[in-house]
Protein backbone atom coordinates (compact mmCIF):
# COMPACT_ATOMS: atom_id res chain seq x y z
CA MET A 1 -9.26 -18.22 24.85
CA SER A 2 -5.84 -17.82 26.41
CA ASP A 3 -3.95 -14.56 26.64
CA LYS A 4 -1.44 -15.79 24.07
CA GLN A 5 -4.22 -16.57 21.59
CA LYS A 6 -5.84 -13.17 22.14
CA LYS A 7 -2.52 -11.46 21.49
CA ALA A 8 -1.95 -13.50 18.31
CA SER A 9 -5.49 -12.79 17.13
CA ALA A 10 -5.10 -9.04 17.70
CA TYR A 11 -1.74 -9.10 15.91
CA TRP A 12 -3.21 -10.88 12.88
CA ARG A 13 -6.26 -8.59 12.78
CA GLU A 14 -4.04 -5.50 12.73
CA ASN A 15 -1.78 -7.05 10.10
CA VAL A 16 -4.74 -7.78 7.80
CA ARG A 17 -6.04 -4.23 8.30
CA TYR A 18 -2.65 -2.85 7.19
CA LEU A 19 -2.71 -5.13 4.14
CA PHE A 20 -6.17 -4.00 3.07
CA ILE A 21 -5.27 -0.32 3.47
CA LEU A 22 -2.03 -0.65 1.49
CA LEU A 23 -3.67 -2.73 -1.24
CA ALA A 24 -6.48 -0.16 -1.49
CA ILE A 25 -3.88 2.57 -2.02
CA TRP A 26 -2.16 0.51 -4.69
CA PHE A 27 -5.50 -0.21 -6.39
CA ALA A 28 -6.38 3.48 -6.36
CA VAL A 29 -3.08 4.41 -7.94
CA SER A 30 -2.87 1.61 -10.50
CA TYR A 31 -6.51 1.25 -11.53
CA ALA A 32 -8.16 4.56 -10.76
CA ALA A 33 -5.30 6.89 -11.72
CA GLY A 34 -4.09 4.76 -14.63
CA ILE A 35 -7.46 3.84 -16.15
CA LEU A 36 -10.50 5.64 -14.71
CA PHE A 37 -9.03 9.14 -14.40
CA LYS A 38 -6.63 8.82 -17.32
CA ASP A 39 -8.30 11.49 -19.42
CA ALA A 40 -8.27 14.06 -16.61
CA LEU A 41 -4.68 13.23 -15.66
CA ASN A 42 -3.53 13.43 -19.28
CA GLN A 43 -4.02 17.20 -19.11
CA ILE A 44 -0.89 17.30 -16.89
CA LYS A 45 2.54 16.61 -18.38
CA MET A 46 5.33 14.95 -16.38
CA GLY A 47 8.75 14.56 -17.96
CA GLY A 48 7.26 15.02 -21.41
CA PHE A 49 4.62 12.35 -20.90
CA GLU A 50 0.98 12.64 -20.00
CA LEU A 51 0.40 11.91 -16.31
CA GLY A 52 -2.30 9.29 -16.99
CA PHE A 53 0.11 7.36 -19.19
CA TRP A 54 2.85 7.70 -16.57
CA PHE A 55 0.64 6.27 -13.81
CA ALA A 56 -0.46 3.39 -16.02
CA GLN A 57 3.09 2.51 -17.07
CA GLN A 58 5.41 3.42 -14.19
CA GLY A 59 3.62 5.16 -11.36
CA SER A 60 1.84 2.11 -10.03
CA ILE A 61 5.11 0.16 -9.94
CA TYR A 62 6.88 2.93 -8.02
CA VAL A 63 3.98 3.21 -5.59
CA PHE A 64 4.02 -0.57 -5.09
CA VAL A 65 7.74 -0.52 -4.20
CA VAL A 66 7.19 2.36 -1.76
CA LEU A 67 4.27 0.47 -0.20
CA ILE A 68 6.54 -2.54 0.35
CA PHE A 69 8.88 -0.38 2.43
CA VAL A 70 5.93 1.14 4.29
CA TYR A 71 4.64 -2.36 5.04
CA VAL A 72 8.05 -3.42 6.39
CA ARG A 73 8.12 -0.43 8.74
CA LEU A 74 4.54 -1.06 9.87
CA MET A 75 5.25 -4.72 10.53
CA ASN A 76 8.44 -3.96 12.44
CA SER A 77 6.52 -1.62 14.72
CA LEU A 78 3.69 -4.16 15.03
CA ASP A 79 6.17 -6.87 15.97
CA LYS A 80 7.59 -4.66 18.71
CA LYS A 81 4.12 -3.75 19.92
CA TYR A 82 3.11 -7.39 20.39
CA GLY A 83 6.53 -8.68 21.46
CA TYR A 84 7.29 -10.76 18.37
CA ASN A 85 10.52 -8.98 17.49
CA GLU A 86 13.83 -10.78 17.85
C-alpha cells in the first residue's frame, strides 16, 4: 500500500469515526430524550412546555443543526491535518 493510500485510508477512518460519534449524539437526543426519558424530562418545564415534549418536537432539530456546524469544523481541521485543504 502506498503512502498516499495509507493517508487516504486514515483520513476516511477518522471521518467515519466522527460521523458515528455525531450520529450517536443525535440519536441520544432525538430518541432517548424525546421518547425513552420523556416521562422523567416532563417534570422539567422549559418556556411553558414540558422538556420531554420540547426535545421530541424541537430539541432534536436544534441539536442536529448544531452538529452540522460541529461536523464542518471537525472536517476542516481533518482536511488541514491530512493536507486536503485548498
